[in-house]
């Protein structure tokens, strides 16, 4: 995928079965349009798990990481609608990271996504960054069917801000996010295996969200900024 802007909000979550229809109606009809309407937000996307968990990966792309801690967004986070309150009650196993795009190569958009949320001590994270950014991701990008490869790093302070939407909820944060988008399932399987091998070779790296495979369900793009 092509990432619009320099900031990405990366969210994984399961939704309890009894709230799934509420979630879908809310996310499609209110939440994504509301978020994309915030100044500096460009696109919202939702993916559903093909293999891995949590069930959903949701992504918002912003002009800059500063938008993600700016007053316009905070105003929405601190004034949730009643529909938002009802929907969020069904969220569980949630990880949400406000990130900055550090590496990105893209040809276009595809429907298949390999993604992971990663934690590591600084030295191990630096080693993994070198491995992925100088070898694995550029190499994957040359493979048939690969549409985009990306490495994102988290603003932990911004991700931990207490807001009304977050109040009373357990929400995890990861240090970094790796994304590979493909046109078809087979290149996605191959990319996942290649990433798993590279990540496993770096000691002390752990998955907050395990390397999984998600498929695009819904997206909305702002037509003008």
Protein backbone atom coordinates (compact mmCIF):
# COMPACT_ATOMS: atom_id res chain seq x y z
CA UNK A 1 0.00 0.00 0.00
CA UNK A 2 0.99 3.58 -0.39
CA UNK A 3 0.92 5.32 2.99
CA UNK A 4 -0.54 8.82 2.76
CA UNK A 5 1.29 11.25 5.02
CA UNK A 6 3.96 10.68 7.64
CA UNK A 7 1.83 9.41 10.54
CA UNK A 8 -0.04 6.14 11.03
CA UNK A 9 -2.32 5.10 13.88
CA UNK A 10 -2.15 1.29 14.03
CA UNK A 11 -4.86 -0.53 15.99
CA UNK A 12 -5.51 -4.24 16.48
CA UNK A 13 -8.51 -5.53 18.39
CA UNK A 14 -10.88 -8.41 18.89
CA UNK A 15 -14.60 -7.69 19.15
CA UNK A 16 -16.81 -9.84 21.36
CA UNK A 17 -19.25 -11.92 19.31
CA UNK A 18 -22.36 -10.27 20.75
CA UNK A 19 -21.12 -6.84 19.67
CA UNK A 20 -19.94 -7.66 16.16
CA UNK A 21 -22.95 -6.25 14.29
CA UNK A 22 -22.86 -3.11 16.44
CA UNK A 23 -19.17 -2.73 15.66
CA UNK A 24 -19.62 -3.12 11.90
CA UNK A 25 -22.49 -0.64 11.71
CA UNK A 26 -20.66 1.90 13.87
CA UNK A 27 -17.26 1.56 12.21
CA UNK A 28 -18.61 1.79 8.65
CA UNK A 29 -21.22 4.50 9.16
CA UNK A 30 -19.91 6.73 11.95
CA UNK A 31 -16.41 6.07 13.20
CA UNK A 32 -14.28 5.91 10.04
CA UNK A 33 -16.05 8.91 8.44
CA UNK A 34 -15.66 10.86 11.70
CA UNK A 35 -11.94 10.10 11.96
CA UNK A 36 -11.19 10.81 8.31
CA UNK A 37 -13.04 14.11 8.73
CA UNK A 38 -10.58 15.33 11.38
CA UNK A 39 -8.11 17.91 10.01
CA UNK A 40 -4.87 16.16 9.07
CA UNK A 41 -6.43 12.68 8.78
CA UNK A 42 -6.27 11.30 5.24
CA UNK A 43 -7.46 7.68 5.14
CA UNK A 44 -9.03 5.03 7.36
CA UNK A 45 -8.81 1.31 6.69
CA UNK A 46 -10.10 -1.88 8.33
CA UNK A 47 -8.75 -5.39 7.74
CA UNK A 48 -10.07 -8.74 9.00
CA UNK A 49 -7.85 -11.66 9.97
CA UNK A 50 -7.18 -14.43 7.47
CA UNK A 51 -4.64 -16.09 9.75
CA UNK A 52 -3.62 -14.72 13.13
CA UNK A 53 -5.17 -12.52 15.78
CA UNK A 54 -6.65 -10.17 16.88
CA UNK A 55 -9.55 -10.36 14.44
CA UNK A 56 -9.26 -6.80 13.18
CA UNK A 57 -6.47 -4.44 12.16
CA UNK A 58 -7.50 -0.79 11.76
CA UNK A 59 -5.32 1.98 10.40
CA UNK A 60 -5.56 5.76 10.12
CA UNK A 61 -3.05 7.71 8.05
CA UNK A 62 -2.29 11.31 8.97
CA UNK A 63 -0.40 14.20 7.42
CA UNK A 64 2.09 14.10 10.31
CA UNK A 65 2.54 12.34 13.66
CA UNK A 66 1.81 15.69 15.35
CA UNK A 67 -1.80 15.45 14.12
CA UNK A 68 -2.20 12.34 16.29
CA UNK A 69 -1.61 14.31 19.50
CA UNK A 70 -3.17 17.54 18.23
CA UNK A 71 -6.19 19.27 19.69
CA UNK A 72 -8.62 18.36 16.90
CA UNK A 73 -8.09 14.64 17.45
CA UNK A 74 -8.00 14.97 21.24
CA UNK A 75 -11.33 16.77 21.11
CA UNK A 76 -12.89 13.71 19.47
CA UNK A 77 -11.17 11.28 21.85
CA UNK A 78 -12.49 13.22 24.85
CA UNK A 79 -16.02 13.60 23.49
CA UNK A 80 -17.06 10.16 22.24
CA UNK A 81 -20.53 9.73 20.78
CA UNK A 82 -23.00 7.40 22.49
CA UNK A 83 -22.60 4.97 19.59
CA UNK A 84 -18.83 5.03 20.17
CA UNK A 85 -19.29 4.29 23.88
CA UNK A 86 -21.52 1.31 23.07
CA UNK A 87 -19.17 -0.06 20.42
CA UNK A 88 -15.99 0.30 22.50
CA UNK A 89 -17.56 -1.80 25.26
CA UNK A 90 -17.14 -4.82 22.98
CA UNK A 91 -13.42 -4.26 22.26
CA UNK A 92 -10.88 -6.61 23.84
CA UNK A 93 -7.24 -7.59 23.32
CA UNK A 94 -6.59 -4.12 21.89
CA UNK A 95 -3.22 -2.67 20.86
CA UNK A 96 -3.02 0.93 19.66
CA UNK A 97 0.15 2.74 18.63
CA UNK A 98 0.61 6.28 17.29
CA UNK A 99 3.47 5.92 14.85
CA UNK A 100 5.76 7.77 12.49
CA UNK A 101 6.61 6.35 9.07
CA UNK A 102 10.35 5.57 9.07
CA UNK A 103 10.65 3.48 5.91
CA UNK A 104 8.17 3.10 3.06
CA UNK A 105 8.25 1.76 -0.49
CA UNK A 106 5.06 1.30 -2.47
CA UNK A 107 3.79 0.47 -5.94
CA UNK A 108 0.08 0.75 -5.12
CA UNK A 109 -2.60 -0.91 -3.01
CA UNK A 110 -3.49 -4.57 -2.56
CA UNK A 111 -6.01 -6.48 -0.47
CA UNK A 112 -3.68 -8.74 1.53
CA UNK A 113 -1.70 -7.45 4.53
CA UNK A 114 1.04 -9.04 6.61
CA UNK A 115 1.55 -7.09 9.83
CA UNK A 116 3.05 -7.33 13.31
CA UNK A 117 3.46 -5.19 16.40
CA UNK A 118 6.97 -5.50 17.87
CA UNK A 119 8.65 -4.69 21.19
CA UNK A 120 12.38 -4.84 21.90
CA UNK A 121 15.09 -3.17 23.98
CA UNK A 122 16.75 -0.32 22.10
CA UNK A 123 19.80 -2.28 20.95
CA UNK A 124 17.70 -5.16 19.64
CA UNK A 125 15.25 -2.79 17.99
CA UNK A 126 18.15 -1.04 16.25
CA UNK A 127 19.48 -4.39 15.02
CA UNK A 128 16.08 -5.39 13.70
CA UNK A 129 15.66 -1.99 12.03
CA UNK A 130 18.99 -2.46 10.22
CA UNK A 131 18.09 -5.99 9.15
CA UNK A 132 14.69 -5.07 7.78
CA UNK A 133 15.41 -1.66 6.28
CA UNK A 134 18.71 -2.48 4.57
CA UNK A 135 17.85 -5.97 3.40
CA UNK A 136 14.59 -7.78 3.97
CA UNK A 137 12.00 -5.10 3.14
CA UNK A 138 13.74 -3.69 0.02
CA UNK A 139 14.28 -7.27 -1.19
CA UNK A 140 10.64 -8.20 -0.60
CA UNK A 141 9.55 -5.08 -2.46
CA UNK A 142 11.10 -6.47 -5.65
CA UNK A 143 9.05 -9.69 -5.48
CA UNK A 144 6.01 -10.15 -7.75
CA UNK A 145 2.75 -9.34 -6.01
CA UNK A 146 4.27 -7.10 -3.32
CA UNK A 147 2.58 -3.69 -3.31
CA UNK A 148 4.15 -2.01 -0.30
CA UNK A 149 6.63 -2.51 2.56
CA UNK A 150 6.70 -0.24 5.60
CA UNK A 151 8.39 0.21 8.98
CA UNK A 152 6.70 2.46 11.58
CA UNK A 153 8.00 3.54 15.00
CA UNK A 154 5.83 4.49 17.95
CA UNK A 155 5.44 7.66 19.98
CA UNK A 156 4.93 5.89 23.30
CA UNK A 157 4.09 9.06 25.26
CA UNK A 158 1.44 10.05 22.74
CA UNK A 159 0.06 6.52 22.60
CA UNK A 160 -0.36 6.46 26.38
CA UNK A 161 -2.33 9.72 26.70
CA UNK A 162 -5.37 9.23 28.91
CA UNK A 163 -8.58 10.21 27.13
CA UNK A 164 -12.28 9.64 27.69
CA UNK A 165 -12.34 6.93 25.02
CA UNK A 166 -9.45 5.13 26.70
CA UNK A 167 -10.70 5.48 30.27
CA UNK A 168 -11.23 2.11 31.99
CA UNK A 169 -9.93 0.11 29.01
CA UNK A 170 -6.77 -1.98 28.78
CA UNK A 171 -4.93 -0.93 25.64
CA UNK A 172 -1.49 -2.21 24.70
CA UNK A 173 1.26 -0.35 22.83
CA UNK A 174 4.11 -1.70 20.68
CA UNK A 175 7.47 -0.09 19.84
CA UNK A 176 7.26 -0.64 16.09
CA UNK A 177 4.97 -1.92 13.34
CA UNK A 178 5.98 -3.76 10.17
CA UNK A 179 3.57 -3.93 7.21
CA UNK A 180 3.72 -5.73 3.87
CA UNK A 181 0.79 -5.45 1.46
CA UNK A 182 0.29 -7.79 -1.49
CA UNK A 183 -2.14 -8.35 -4.35
CA UNK A 184 -2.70 -12.06 -3.69
CA UNK A 185 -2.52 -14.57 -0.82
CA UNK A 186 0.55 -16.49 -2.05
CA UNK A 187 2.97 -13.51 -2.02
CA UNK A 188 1.58 -12.67 1.42
CA UNK A 189 2.41 -16.18 2.69
CA UNK A 190 5.93 -15.91 1.32
CA UNK A 191 6.48 -12.45 2.82
CA UNK A 192 5.23 -13.63 6.20
CA UNK A 193 7.68 -16.54 6.23
CA UNK A 194 10.59 -14.29 5.22
CA UNK A 195 9.76 -11.74 7.92
CA UNK A 196 9.32 -14.42 10.58
CA UNK A 197 12.78 -15.80 9.82
CA UNK A 198 14.42 -12.37 9.96
CA UNK A 199 12.72 -11.32 13.18
CA UNK A 200 13.47 -14.62 14.92
CA UNK A 201 17.18 -14.08 14.24
CA UNK A 202 17.30 -11.01 16.52
CA UNK A 203 17.49 -11.85 20.22
CA UNK A 204 15.14 -10.09 22.66
CA UNK A 205 12.60 -9.08 20.02
CA UNK A 206 9.07 -10.06 21.02
CA UNK A 207 5.69 -9.77 19.38
CA UNK A 208 3.01 -7.66 21.03
CA UNK A 209 0.85 -8.60 18.04
CA UNK A 210 2.14 -11.78 16.33
CA UNK A 211 2.98 -11.72 12.66
CA UNK A 212 -0.36 -12.36 10.95
CA UNK A 213 -2.31 -12.09 7.73
CA UNK A 214 -5.27 -9.72 7.33
CA UNK A 215 -7.50 -8.85 4.35
CA UNK A 216 -8.95 -5.43 3.49
CA UNK A 217 -12.64 -5.00 4.33
CA UNK A 218 -13.30 -1.26 4.27
CA UNK A 219 -11.59 2.04 3.54
CA UNK A 220 -12.44 5.73 3.28
CA UNK A 221 -10.16 8.39 1.78
CA UNK A 222 -10.45 12.13 2.26
CA UNK A 223 -10.79 13.61 -1.21
CA UNK A 224 -9.18 16.92 -0.22
CA UNK A 225 -7.06 18.15 2.71
